[in-house]
Amino acid sequence: MPNSPAELVNHKIVAASGVTPVMDWKFAQGNTVRVKPLLTVNSNDAAIDAVLQGLGITRLLSYQVASHVNSGQLQTVLSEFETKTLPIHVVHREGRYASAKIRTFVDFIVSRLRTAQLLN
């Protein structure tokens, strides 16, 4: 289990090129590590599958691995070095052309996003 980003150089890395096209992983507090992946895949699902098979450590967004973290299949590492969270915006048309169905959906999705534990 790595205790700092610098220790990733001693671990097997599975890189998802869609998430991290360059192999410099940036962390909070100005930490940047150039990883040398054991395996590079082009989809997040393939990275998750590889990690579930024990091939190494990967870097993905929390919602992409939420079910596996919740079930105990995967665990988060280096959480104290996570970068600042990014906001999620729900954009829709307001005014007299706004649809009541869309407004209902927006209200629903906003409430779900605000209560999603791995997003907050």
Protein backbone atom coordinates (compact mmCIF):
# COMPACT_ATOMS: atom_id res chain seq x y z
CA MET A 1 0.00 0.00 0.00
CA PRO A 2 1.63 3.29 -1.03
CA ASN A 3 1.79 5.98 1.66
CA SER A 4 2.71 8.82 -0.71
CA PRO A 5 2.49 9.49 -4.45
CA ALA A 6 6.26 9.04 -4.77
CA GLU A 7 5.87 5.40 -3.73
CA LEU A 8 3.82 4.65 -6.86
CA VAL A 9 7.05 4.12 -8.79
CA ASN A 10 7.47 0.89 -6.78
CA HIS A 11 3.99 -0.43 -7.63
CA LYS A 12 2.36 -2.08 -10.62
CA ILE A 13 0.26 0.54 -12.42
CA VAL A 14 -2.71 0.02 -14.72
CA ALA A 15 -3.24 3.18 -16.77
CA ALA A 16 -6.51 4.05 -18.47
CA SER A 17 -5.44 6.19 -21.42
CA GLY A 18 -8.89 7.79 -21.66
CA VAL A 19 -8.53 9.23 -18.16
CA THR A 20 -4.78 9.81 -18.11
CA PRO A 21 -3.41 10.19 -21.65
CA VAL A 22 -0.06 11.32 -20.21
CA MET A 23 1.68 9.29 -17.58
CA ASP A 24 2.18 12.18 -15.16
CA TRP A 25 -0.27 11.70 -12.30
CA LYS A 26 -0.91 14.97 -10.44
CA PHE A 27 -1.86 15.03 -6.78
CA ALA A 28 -2.63 17.73 -4.23
CA GLN A 29 0.17 19.65 -2.57
CA GLY A 30 2.09 19.89 -5.87
CA ASN A 31 2.95 16.21 -6.05
CA THR A 32 3.43 14.89 -9.59
CA VAL A 33 4.58 11.37 -10.33
CA ARG A 34 5.57 9.96 -13.70
CA VAL A 35 4.21 6.43 -13.64
CA LYS A 36 5.44 3.56 -15.77
CA PRO A 37 2.40 1.37 -16.32
CA LEU A 38 2.59 -2.39 -16.34
CA LEU A 39 -0.55 -2.26 -18.49
CA THR A 40 -2.20 0.55 -20.46
CA VAL A 41 -5.80 0.11 -21.57
CA ASN A 42 -8.10 2.40 -23.52
CA SER A 43 -11.23 2.06 -21.40
CA ASN A 44 -12.06 2.59 -17.76
CA ASP A 45 -13.90 -0.73 -17.63
CA ALA A 46 -10.77 -2.55 -18.79
CA ALA A 47 -8.72 -0.77 -16.11
CA ILE A 48 -11.25 -1.77 -13.44
CA ASP A 49 -11.24 -5.38 -14.66
CA ALA A 50 -7.44 -5.48 -14.57
CA VAL A 51 -7.31 -4.11 -11.04
CA LEU A 52 -10.01 -6.52 -9.90
CA GLN A 53 -7.78 -9.32 -11.23
CA GLY A 54 -4.94 -8.03 -9.03
CA LEU A 55 -2.78 -6.52 -11.77
CA GLY A 56 -2.08 -3.27 -9.92
CA ILE A 57 -3.24 0.20 -9.00
CA THR A 58 -5.21 2.49 -11.30
CA ARG A 59 -6.50 6.04 -11.19
CA LEU A 60 -10.15 6.67 -12.01
CA LEU A 61 -12.96 8.97 -10.94
CA SER A 62 -14.85 8.03 -7.79
CA TYR A 63 -18.19 7.43 -9.49
CA GLN A 64 -16.54 5.00 -11.92
CA VAL A 65 -15.46 2.66 -9.13
CA ALA A 66 -18.15 3.46 -6.54
CA SER A 67 -19.90 0.09 -6.70
CA HIS A 68 -16.60 -1.79 -6.36
CA VAL A 69 -15.45 0.38 -3.45
CA ASN A 70 -18.83 0.02 -1.71
CA SER A 71 -18.73 -3.77 -2.11
CA GLY A 72 -15.18 -3.98 -0.76
CA GLN A 73 -13.73 -5.34 -4.00
CA LEU A 74 -11.54 -2.24 -4.38
CA GLN A 75 -10.15 0.25 -1.92
CA THR A 76 -9.08 3.83 -2.25
CA VAL A 77 -5.41 4.63 -1.74
CA LEU A 78 -3.67 7.98 -1.25
CA SER A 79 -6.97 9.72 -0.49
CA GLU A 80 -5.15 12.39 1.53
CA PHE A 81 -3.40 13.43 -1.70
CA GLU A 82 -6.56 13.76 -3.81
CA THR A 83 -6.85 16.94 -5.82
CA LYS A 84 -9.64 19.44 -5.28
CA THR A 85 -13.03 18.15 -6.38
CA LEU A 86 -14.58 19.40 -9.60
CA PRO A 87 -18.15 20.68 -9.64
CA ILE A 88 -20.91 19.02 -11.65
CA HIS A 89 -23.20 21.39 -13.53
CA VAL A 90 -26.71 20.58 -14.69
CA VAL A 91 -27.58 22.90 -17.55
CA HIS A 92 -31.03 23.22 -19.09
CA ARG A 93 -33.29 25.74 -20.78
CA GLU A 94 -35.41 27.93 -18.49
CA GLY A 95 -38.18 30.34 -19.36
CA ARG A 96 -41.41 29.96 -21.26
CA TYR A 97 -40.00 27.20 -23.49
CA ALA A 98 -38.92 25.07 -20.55
CA SER A 99 -40.45 21.64 -20.26
CA ALA A 100 -42.05 20.53 -17.00
CA LYS A 101 -40.61 17.05 -17.61
CA ILE A 102 -37.11 18.46 -17.92
CA ARG A 103 -37.57 20.57 -14.77
CA THR A 104 -38.71 17.45 -12.88
CA PHE A 105 -35.71 15.51 -14.14
CA VAL A 106 -33.30 18.33 -13.22
CA ASP A 107 -34.74 18.53 -9.70
CA PHE A 108 -34.42 14.76 -9.35
CA ILE A 109 -30.84 14.52 -10.63
CA VAL A 110 -29.67 17.49 -8.54
CA SER A 111 -31.04 15.90 -5.37
CA ARG A 112 -29.38 12.57 -6.24
CA LEU A 113 -26.04 14.21 -7.01
CA ARG A 114 -26.08 16.16 -3.74
CA THR A 115 -26.64 13.00 -1.72
CA ALA A 116 -24.21 10.73 -3.63
CA GLN A 117 -21.64 9.92 -0.96
CA LEU A 118 -18.74 9.26 -3.32
CA LEU A 119 -19.33 12.54 -5.14
CA ASN A 120 -19.38 14.73 -2.06
